């Protein structure tokens, strides 16, 4: 398992991107802090930062995607576009 450019890790032929990093980049583009994103999505404090290692529920991903103005699909894609 190796991390390449902070974007993804390669594990058994699957590309696993770092969801927290993608959310941070999108939030930064929108001028939203992670704290406010968590508060507005009614998530516990510092929960999003754990999403690189723990898979959140679909409901939580939907809330965050809506607040960021993106689709769930685009949020879950492996690139930072």
PDB file of N, CA and C in Angstrom:
ATOM      1  N   UNK A   1       0.848  -1.167   0.000  1.00  0.00           N
ATOM      2  CA  UNK A   1       0.000   0.000   0.000  1.00  0.00           C
ATOM      3  C   UNK A   1       0.893   1.230   0.000  1.00  0.00           C
ATOM      4  N   UNK A   2       0.712   2.109  -0.979  1.00  0.00           N
ATOM      5  CA  UNK A   2       1.502   3.330  -1.025  1.00  0.00           C
ATOM      6  C   UNK A   2       0.613   4.509  -1.379  1.00  0.00           C
ATOM      7  N   UNK A   3       0.949   5.647  -0.832  1.00  0.00           N
ATOM      8  CA  UNK A   3       0.177   6.853  -1.104  1.00  0.00           C
ATOM      9  C   UNK A   3       0.877   7.608  -2.220  1.00  0.00           C
ATOM     10  N   UNK A   4       0.141   7.954  -3.242  1.00  0.00           N
ATOM     11  CA  UNK A   4       0.699   8.682  -4.375  1.00  0.00           C
ATOM     12  C   UNK A   4       0.162  10.100  -4.435  1.00  0.00           C
ATOM     13  N   UNK A   5       1.002  11.075  -4.184  1.00  0.00           N
ATOM     14  CA  UNK A   5       0.655  12.496  -4.282  1.00  0.00           C
ATOM     15  C   UNK A   5      -0.541  12.891  -3.410  1.00  0.00           C
ATOM     16  N   UNK A   6      -0.815  12.171  -2.345  1.00  0.00           N
ATOM     17  CA  UNK A   6      -1.934  12.495  -1.479  1.00  0.00           C
ATOM     18  C   UNK A   6      -3.285  12.306  -2.132  1.00  0.00           C
ATOM     19  N   UNK A   7      -3.319  11.680  -3.293  1.00  0.00           N
ATOM     20  CA  UNK A   7      -4.560  11.540  -4.038  1.00  0.00           C
ATOM     21  C   UNK A   7      -5.246  10.208  -3.793  1.00  0.00           C
ATOM     22  N   UNK A   8      -4.498   9.127  -3.787  1.00  0.00           N
ATOM     23  CA  UNK A   8      -5.102   7.804  -3.665  1.00  0.00           C
ATOM     24  C   UNK A   8      -4.058   6.811  -3.199  1.00  0.00           C
ATOM     25  N   UNK A   9      -4.532   5.657  -2.799  1.00  0.00           N
ATOM     26  CA  UNK A   9      -3.623   4.556  -2.506  1.00  0.00           C
ATOM     27  C   UNK A   9      -4.026   3.377  -3.367  1.00  0.00           C
ATOM     28  N   UNK A  10      -3.077   2.577  -3.757  1.00  0.00           N
ATOM     29  CA  UNK A  10      -3.357   1.390  -4.573  1.00  0.00           C
ATOM     30  C   UNK A  10      -3.428   0.186  -3.641  1.00  0.00           C
ATOM     31  N   UNK A  11      -4.521  -0.537  -3.677  1.00  0.00           N
ATOM     32  CA  UNK A  11      -4.711  -1.682  -2.804  1.00  0.00           C
ATOM     33  C   UNK A  11      -5.433  -2.769  -3.576  1.00  0.00           C
ATOM     34  N   UNK A  12      -4.758  -3.860  -3.834  1.00  0.00           N
ATOM     35  CA  UNK A  12      -5.349  -5.014  -4.506  1.00  0.00           C
ATOM     36  C   UNK A  12      -6.170  -4.632  -5.730  1.00  0.00           C
ATOM     37  N   UNK A  13      -5.549  -3.900  -6.640  1.00  0.00           N
ATOM     38  CA  UNK A  13      -6.144  -3.507  -7.906  1.00  0.00           C
ATOM     39  C   UNK A  13      -7.333  -2.568  -7.776  1.00  0.00           C
ATOM     40  N   UNK A  14      -7.564  -2.005  -6.621  1.00  0.00           N
ATOM     41  CA  UNK A  14      -8.613  -1.020  -6.451  1.00  0.00           C
ATOM     42  C   UNK A  14      -7.964   0.309  -6.122  1.00  0.00           C
ATOM     43  N   UNK A  15      -8.477   1.368  -6.706  1.00  0.00           N
ATOM     44  CA  UNK A  15      -7.992   2.693  -6.359  1.00  0.00           C
ATOM     45  C   UNK A  15      -8.907   3.244  -5.273  1.00  0.00           C
ATOM     46  N   UNK A  16      -8.311   3.571  -4.161  1.00  0.00           N
ATOM     47  CA  UNK A  16      -9.061   4.141  -3.051  1.00  0.00           C
ATOM     48  C   UNK A  16      -8.600   5.582  -2.901  1.00  0.00           C
ATOM     49  N   UNK A  17      -9.476   6.518  -3.173  1.00  0.00           N
ATOM     50  CA  UNK A  17      -9.098   7.909  -3.036  1.00  0.00           C
ATOM     51  C   UNK A  17      -9.356   8.360  -1.603  1.00  0.00           C
ATOM     52  N   UNK A  18      -8.795   9.457  -1.267  1.00  0.00           N
ATOM     53  CA  UNK A  18      -8.927   9.967   0.093  1.00  0.00           C
ATOM     54  C   UNK A  18     -10.097  10.951   0.127  1.00  0.00           C
ATOM     55  N   UNK A  19     -11.241  10.474   0.599  1.00  0.00           N
ATOM     56  CA  UNK A  19     -12.481  11.241   0.593  1.00  0.00           C
ATOM     57  C   UNK A  19     -12.346  12.544   1.364  1.00  0.00           C
ATOM     58  N   UNK A  20     -11.722  12.499   2.519  1.00  0.00           N
ATOM     59  CA  UNK A  20     -11.551  13.720   3.314  1.00  0.00           C
ATOM     60  C   UNK A  20     -10.776  14.771   2.532  1.00  0.00           C
ATOM     61  N   UNK A  21      -9.719  14.349   1.847  1.00  0.00           N
ATOM     62  CA  UNK A  21      -8.915  15.294   1.074  1.00  0.00           C
ATOM     63  C   UNK A  21      -9.736  15.940  -0.043  1.00  0.00           C
ATOM     64  N   UNK A  22     -10.580  15.149  -0.690  1.00  0.00           N
ATOM     65  CA  UNK A  22     -11.423  15.689  -1.756  1.00  0.00           C
ATOM     66  C   UNK A  22     -12.439  16.670  -1.184  1.00  0.00           C
ATOM     67  N   UNK A  23     -13.041  16.335  -0.050  1.00  0.00           N
ATOM     68  CA  UNK A  23     -14.002  17.224   0.588  1.00  0.00           C
ATOM     69  C   UNK A  23     -13.316  18.525   1.003  1.00  0.00           C
ATOM     70  N   UNK A  24     -12.110  18.426   1.538  1.00  0.00           N
ATOM     71  CA  UNK A  24     -11.361  19.630   1.927  1.00  0.00           C
ATOM     72  C   UNK A  24     -11.119  20.541   0.730  1.00  0.00           C
ATOM     73  N   UNK A  25     -10.715  19.953  -0.385  1.00  0.00           N
ATOM     74  CA  UNK A  25     -10.449  20.745  -1.587  1.00  0.00           C
ATOM     75  C   UNK A  25     -11.726  21.434  -2.079  1.00  0.00           C
ATOM     76  N   UNK A  26     -12.819  20.704  -2.110  1.00  0.00           N
ATOM     77  CA  UNK A  26     -14.088  21.287  -2.551  1.00  0.00           C
ATOM     78  C   UNK A  26     -14.566  22.365  -1.591  1.00  0.00           C
ATOM     79  N   UNK A  27     -14.448  22.108  -0.302  1.00  0.00           N
ATOM     80  CA  UNK A  27     -14.863  23.089   0.703  1.00  0.00           C
ATOM     81  C   UNK A  27     -14.025  24.360   0.580  1.00  0.00           C
ATOM     82  N   UNK A  28     -12.737  24.195   0.380  1.00  0.00           N
ATOM     83  CA  UNK A  28     -11.838  25.347   0.217  1.00  0.00           C
ATOM     84  C   UNK A  28     -12.258  26.181  -0.994  1.00  0.00           C
ATOM     85  N   UNK A  29     -12.578  25.498  -2.115  1.00  0.00           N
ATOM     86  CA  UNK A  29     -13.039  26.195  -3.322  1.00  0.00           C
ATOM     87  C   UNK A  29     -14.310  26.994  -3.063  1.00  0.00           C
ATOM     88  N   UNK A  30     -15.179  26.473  -2.210  1.00  0.00           N
ATOM     89  CA  UNK A  30     -16.466  27.111  -1.924  1.00  0.00           C
ATOM     90  C   UNK A  30     -16.382  28.086  -0.749  1.00  0.00           C
ATOM     91  N   UNK A  31     -15.215  28.157  -0.091  1.00  0.00           N
ATOM     92  CA  UNK A  31     -15.048  29.056   1.042  1.00  0.00           C
ATOM     93  C   UNK A  31     -15.765  28.585   2.298  1.00  0.00           C
ATOM     94  N   UNK A  32     -15.895  27.272   2.446  1.00  0.00           N
ATOM     95  CA  UNK A  32     -16.579  26.681   3.593  1.00  0.00           C
ATOM     96  C   UNK A  32     -15.558  25.940   4.456  1.00  0.00           C
ATOM     97  N   UNK A  33     -15.571  26.187   5.737  1.00  0.00           N
ATOM     98  CA  UNK A  33     -14.671  25.449   6.620  1.00  0.00           C
ATOM     99  C   UNK A  33     -15.234  24.054   6.879  1.00  0.00           C
ATOM    100  N   UNK A  34     -14.364  23.133   7.199  1.00  0.00           N
ATOM    101  CA  UNK A  34     -14.809  21.775   7.543  1.00  0.00           C
ATOM    102  C   UNK A  34     -15.696  21.825   8.783  1.00  0.00           C
ATOM    103  N   UNK A  35     -15.346  22.679   9.725  1.00  0.00           N
ATOM    104  CA  UNK A  35     -16.171  22.825  10.937  1.00  0.00           C
ATOM    105  C   UNK A  35     -17.605  23.211  10.562  1.00  0.00           C
ATOM    106  N   UNK A  36     -17.762  24.221   9.693  1.00  0.00           N
ATOM    107  CA  UNK A  36     -19.109  24.661   9.310  1.00  0.00           C
ATOM    108  C   UNK A  36     -19.825  23.595   8.481  1.00  0.00           C
ATOM    109  N   UNK A  37     -19.079  22.888   7.662  1.00  0.00           N
ATOM    110  CA  UNK A  37     -19.658  21.802   6.879  1.00  0.00           C
ATOM    111  C   UNK A  37     -20.220  20.727   7.805  1.00  0.00           C
ATOM    112  N   UNK A  38     -19.436  20.348   8.803  1.00  0.00           N
ATOM    113  CA  UNK A  38     -19.896  19.347   9.778  1.00  0.00           C
ATOM    114  C   UNK A  38     -21.098  19.861  10.561  1.00  0.00           C
ATOM    115  N   UNK A  39     -21.053  21.114  10.983  1.00  0.00           N
ATOM    116  CA  UNK A  39     -22.153  21.695  11.750  1.00  0.00           C
ATOM    117  C   UNK A  39     -23.442  21.731  10.928  1.00  0.00           C
ATOM    118  N   UNK A  40     -23.341  22.213   9.677  1.00  0.00           N
ATOM    119  CA  UNK A  40     -24.530  22.325   8.828  1.00  0.00           C
ATOM    120  C   UNK A  40     -25.067  20.970   8.381  1.00  0.00           C
ATOM    121  N   UNK A  41     -24.203  19.972   8.319  1.00  0.00           N
ATOM    122  CA  UNK A  41     -24.630  18.620   7.949  1.00  0.00           C
ATOM    123  C   UNK A  41     -25.068  17.824   9.176  1.00  0.00           C
ATOM    124  N   UNK A  42     -25.006  18.458  10.338  1.00  0.00           N
ATOM    125  CA  UNK A  42     -25.372  17.829  11.606  1.00  0.00           C
ATOM    126  C   UNK A  42     -24.524  16.589  11.883  1.00  0.00           C
ATOM    127  N   UNK A  43     -23.218  16.716  11.625  1.00  0.00           N
ATOM    128  CA  UNK A  43     -22.265  15.650  11.905  1.00  0.00           C
ATOM    129  C   UNK A  43     -21.498  16.003  13.166  1.00  0.00           C
ATOM    130  N   UNK A  44     -20.953  14.997  13.812  1.00  0.00           N
ATOM    131  CA  UNK A  44     -20.166  15.272  15.011  1.00  0.00           C
ATOM    132  C   UNK A  44     -18.862  15.973  14.636  1.00  0.00           C
ATOM    133  N   UNK A  45     -18.358  16.754  15.568  1.00  0.00           N
ATOM    134  CA  UNK A  45     -17.127  17.509  15.356  1.00  0.00           C
ATOM    135  C   UNK A  45     -15.981  16.554  15.015  1.00  0.00           C
ATOM    136  N   UNK A  46     -15.207  16.916  14.007  1.00  0.00           N
ATOM    137  CA  UNK A  46     -14.032  16.162  13.540  1.00  0.00           C
ATOM    138  C   UNK A  46     -14.384  14.806  12.933  1.00  0.00           C
ATOM    139  N   UNK A  47     -15.634  14.614  12.534  1.00  0.00           N
ATOM    140  CA  UNK A  47     -16.000  13.322  11.937  1.00  0.00           C
ATOM    141  C   UNK A  47     -15.514  13.201  10.497  1.00  0.00           C
ATOM    142  N   UNK A  48     -15.573  14.282   9.726  1.00  0.00           N
ATOM    143  CA  UNK A  48     -15.180  14.208   8.320  1.00  0.00           C
ATOM    144  C   UNK A  48     -13.706  13.864   8.176  1.00  0.00           C
ATOM    145  N   UNK A  49     -12.877  14.328   9.108  1.00  0.00           N
ATOM    146  CA  UNK A  49     -11.434  14.057   8.997  1.00  0.00           C
ATOM    147  C   UNK A  49     -11.113  12.569   9.110  1.00  0.00           C
ATOM    148  N   UNK A  50     -12.041  11.789   9.586  1.00  0.00           N
ATOM    149  CA  UNK A  50     -11.834  10.340   9.713  1.00  0.00           C
ATOM    150  C   UNK A  50     -12.246   9.580   8.453  1.00  0.00           C
ATOM    151  N   UNK A  51     -12.795  10.272   7.475  1.00  0.00           N
ATOM    152  CA  UNK A  51     -13.345   9.612   6.302  1.00  0.00           C
ATOM    153  C   UNK A  51     -12.298   9.079   5.339  1.00  0.00           C
ATOM    154  N   UNK A  52     -11.030   9.390   5.533  1.00  0.00           N
ATOM    155  CA  UNK A  52      -9.989   8.749   4.719  1.00  0.00           C
ATOM    156  C   UNK A  52      -9.800   7.297   5.148  1.00  0.00           C
ATOM    157  N   UNK A  53     -10.102   6.996   6.399  1.00  0.00           N
ATOM    158  CA  UNK A  53      -9.880   5.659   6.944  1.00  0.00           C
ATOM    159  C   UNK A  53     -11.157   4.895   7.247  1.00  0.00           C
ATOM    160  N   UNK A  54     -12.258   5.603   7.398  1.00  0.00           N
ATOM    161  CA  UNK A  54     -13.546   4.979   7.726  1.00  0.00           C
ATOM    162  C   UNK A  54     -14.582   5.396   6.695  1.00  0.00           C
ATOM    163  N   UNK A  55     -15.366   4.466   6.255  1.00  0.00           N
ATOM    164  CA  UNK A  55     -16.386   4.749   5.251  1.00  0.00           C
ATOM    165  C   UNK A  55     -17.628   5.303   5.950  1.00  0.00           C
ATOM    166  N   UNK A  56     -18.033   6.527   5.586  1.00  0.00           N
ATOM    167  CA  UNK A  56     -19.231   7.109   6.207  1.00  0.00           C
ATOM    168  C   UNK A  56     -20.502   6.518   5.611  1.00  0.00           C
ATOM    169  N   UNK A  57     -21.612   6.751   6.269  1.00  0.00           N
ATOM    170  CA  UNK A  57     -22.897   6.279   5.751  1.00  0.00           C
ATOM    171  C   UNK A  57     -23.276   7.075   4.506  1.00  0.00           C
ATOM    172  N   UNK A  58     -24.142   6.492   3.702  1.00  0.00           N
ATOM    173  CA  UNK A  58     -24.630   7.155   2.503  1.00  0.00           C
ATOM    174  C   UNK A  58     -25.330   8.456   2.882  1.00  0.00           C
ATOM    175  N   UNK A  59     -26.076   8.434   3.949  1.00  0.00           N
ATOM    176  CA  UNK A  59     -26.792   9.626   4.401  1.00  0.00           C
ATOM    177  C   UNK A  59     -25.824  10.775   4.689  1.00  0.00           C
ATOM    178  N   UNK A  60     -24.718  10.483   5.337  1.00  0.00           N
ATOM    179  CA  UNK A  60     -23.728  11.526   5.650  1.00  0.00           C
ATOM    180  C   UNK A  60     -23.093  12.063   4.377  1.00  0.00           C
ATOM    181  N   UNK A  61     -22.776  11.184   3.448  1.00  0.00           N
ATOM    182  CA  UNK A  61     -22.189  11.621   2.179  1.00  0.00           C
ATOM    183  C   UNK A  61     -23.182  12.495   1.411  1.00  0.00           C
ATOM    184  N   UNK A  62     -24.455  12.116   1.425  1.00  0.00           N
ATOM    185  CA  UNK A  62     -25.478  12.897   0.743  1.00  0.00           C
ATOM    186  C   UNK A  62     -25.587  14.305   1.328  1.00  0.00           C
ATOM    187  N   UNK A  63     -25.557  14.414   2.647  1.00  0.00           N
ATOM    188  CA  UNK A  63     -25.639  15.722   3.295  1.00  0.00           C
ATOM    189  C   UNK A  63     -24.462  16.609   2.904  1.00  0.00           C
ATOM    190  N   UNK A  64     -23.269  16.042   2.933  1.00  0.00           N
ATOM    191  CA  UNK A  64     -22.072  16.811   2.599  1.00  0.00           C
ATOM    192  C   UNK A  64     -22.086  17.213   1.125  1.00  0.00           C
ATOM    193  N   UNK A  65     -22.453  16.287   0.255  1.00  0.00           N
ATOM    194  CA  UNK A  65     -22.520  16.589  -1.177  1.00  0.00           C
ATOM    195  C   UNK A  65     -23.497  17.735  -1.436  1.00  0.00           C
ATOM    196  N   UNK A  66     -24.644  17.688  -0.803  1.00  0.00           N
ATOM    197  CA  UNK A  66     -25.652  18.732  -0.988  1.00  0.00           C
ATOM    198  C   UNK A  66     -25.111  20.083  -0.539  1.00  0.00           C
ATOM    199  N   UNK A  67     -24.463  20.123   0.607  1.00  0.00           N
ATOM    200  CA  UNK A  67     -23.916  21.379   1.108  1.00  0.00           C
ATOM    201  C   UNK A  67     -22.796  21.927   0.218  1.00  0.00           C
ATOM    202  N   UNK A  68     -22.060  21.029  -0.422  1.00  0.00           N
ATOM    203  CA  UNK A  68     -20.984  21.450  -1.320  1.00  0.00           C
ATOM    204  C   UNK A  68     -21.496  21.753  -2.732  1.00  0.00           C
ATOM    205  N   UNK A  69     -22.764  21.446  -2.990  1.00  0.00           N
ATOM    206  CA  UNK A  69     -23.346  21.721  -4.295  1.00  0.00           C
ATOM    207  C   UNK A  69     -22.854  20.781  -5.385  1.00  0.00           C
ATOM    208  N   UNK A  70     -22.556  19.544  -4.979  1.00  0.00           N
ATOM    209  CA  UNK A  70     -22.094  18.537  -5.939  1.00  0.00           C
ATOM    210  C   UNK A  70     -22.957  17.291  -5.787  1.00  0.00           C
ATOM    211  N   UNK A  71     -22.884  16.413  -6.764  1.00  0.00           N
ATOM    212  CA  UNK A  71     -23.606  15.148  -6.655  1.00  0.00           C
ATOM    213  C   UNK A  71     -22.794  14.171  -5.812  1.00  0.00           C
ATOM    214  N   UNK A  72     -23.458  13.179  -5.285  1.00  0.00           N
ATOM    215  CA  UNK A  72     -22.770  12.123  -4.546  1.00  0.00           C
ATOM    216  C   UNK A  72     -21.778  11.425  -5.467  1.00  0.00           C
ATOM    217  N   UNK A  73     -22.198  11.167  -6.708  1.00  0.00           N
ATOM    218  CA  UNK A  73     -21.301  10.513  -7.671  1.00  0.00           C
ATOM    219  C   UNK A  73     -20.016  11.299  -7.872  1.00  0.00           C
ATOM    220  N   UNK A  74     -20.145  12.611  -8.060  1.00  0.00           N
ATOM    221  CA  UNK A  74     -18.937  13.410  -8.287  1.00  0.00           C
ATOM    222  C   UNK A  74     -18.062  13.456  -7.046  1.00  0.00           C
ATOM    223  N   UNK A  75     -18.673  13.408  -5.882  1.00  0.00           N
ATOM    224  CA  UNK A  75     -17.907  13.404  -4.644  1.00  0.00           C
ATOM    225  C   UNK A  75     -17.142  12.100  -4.481  1.00  0.00           C
ATOM    226  N   UNK A  76     -17.732  11.009  -4.953  1.00  0.00           N
ATOM    227  CA  UNK A  76     -17.109   9.692  -4.792  1.00  0.00           C
ATOM    228  C   UNK A  76     -16.177   9.291  -5.932  1.00  0.00           C
ATOM    229  N   UNK A  77     -16.112  10.096  -6.980  1.00  0.00           N
ATOM    230  CA  UNK A  77     -15.174   9.799  -8.054  1.00  0.00           C
ATOM    231  C   UNK A  77     -13.758   9.927  -7.534  1.00  0.00           C
ATOM    232  N   UNK A  78     -12.857   9.163  -8.101  1.00  0.00           N
ATOM    233  CA  UNK A  78     -11.489   9.107  -7.613  1.00  0.00           C
ATOM    234  C   UNK A  78     -10.611  10.282  -7.914  1.00  0.00           C
ATOM    235  N   UNK A  79     -11.050  11.217  -8.738  1.00  0.00           N
ATOM    236  CA  UNK A  79     -10.205  12.375  -9.019  1.00  0.00           C
ATOM    237  C   UNK A  79     -10.756  13.598  -8.306  1.00  0.00           C
ATOM    238  N   UNK A  80     -10.000  14.670  -8.329  1.00  0.00           N
ATOM    239  CA  UNK A  80     -10.388  15.897  -7.638  1.00  0.00           C
ATOM    240  C   UNK A  80     -10.955  16.929  -8.602  1.00  0.00           C
ATOM    241  N   UNK A  81     -11.697  16.491  -9.586  1.00  0.00           N
ATOM    242  CA  UNK A  81     -12.278  17.418 -10.561  1.00  0.00           C
ATOM    243  C   UNK A  81     -13.581  17.960 -10.054  1.00  0.00           C
TER     244      UNK A  81
END
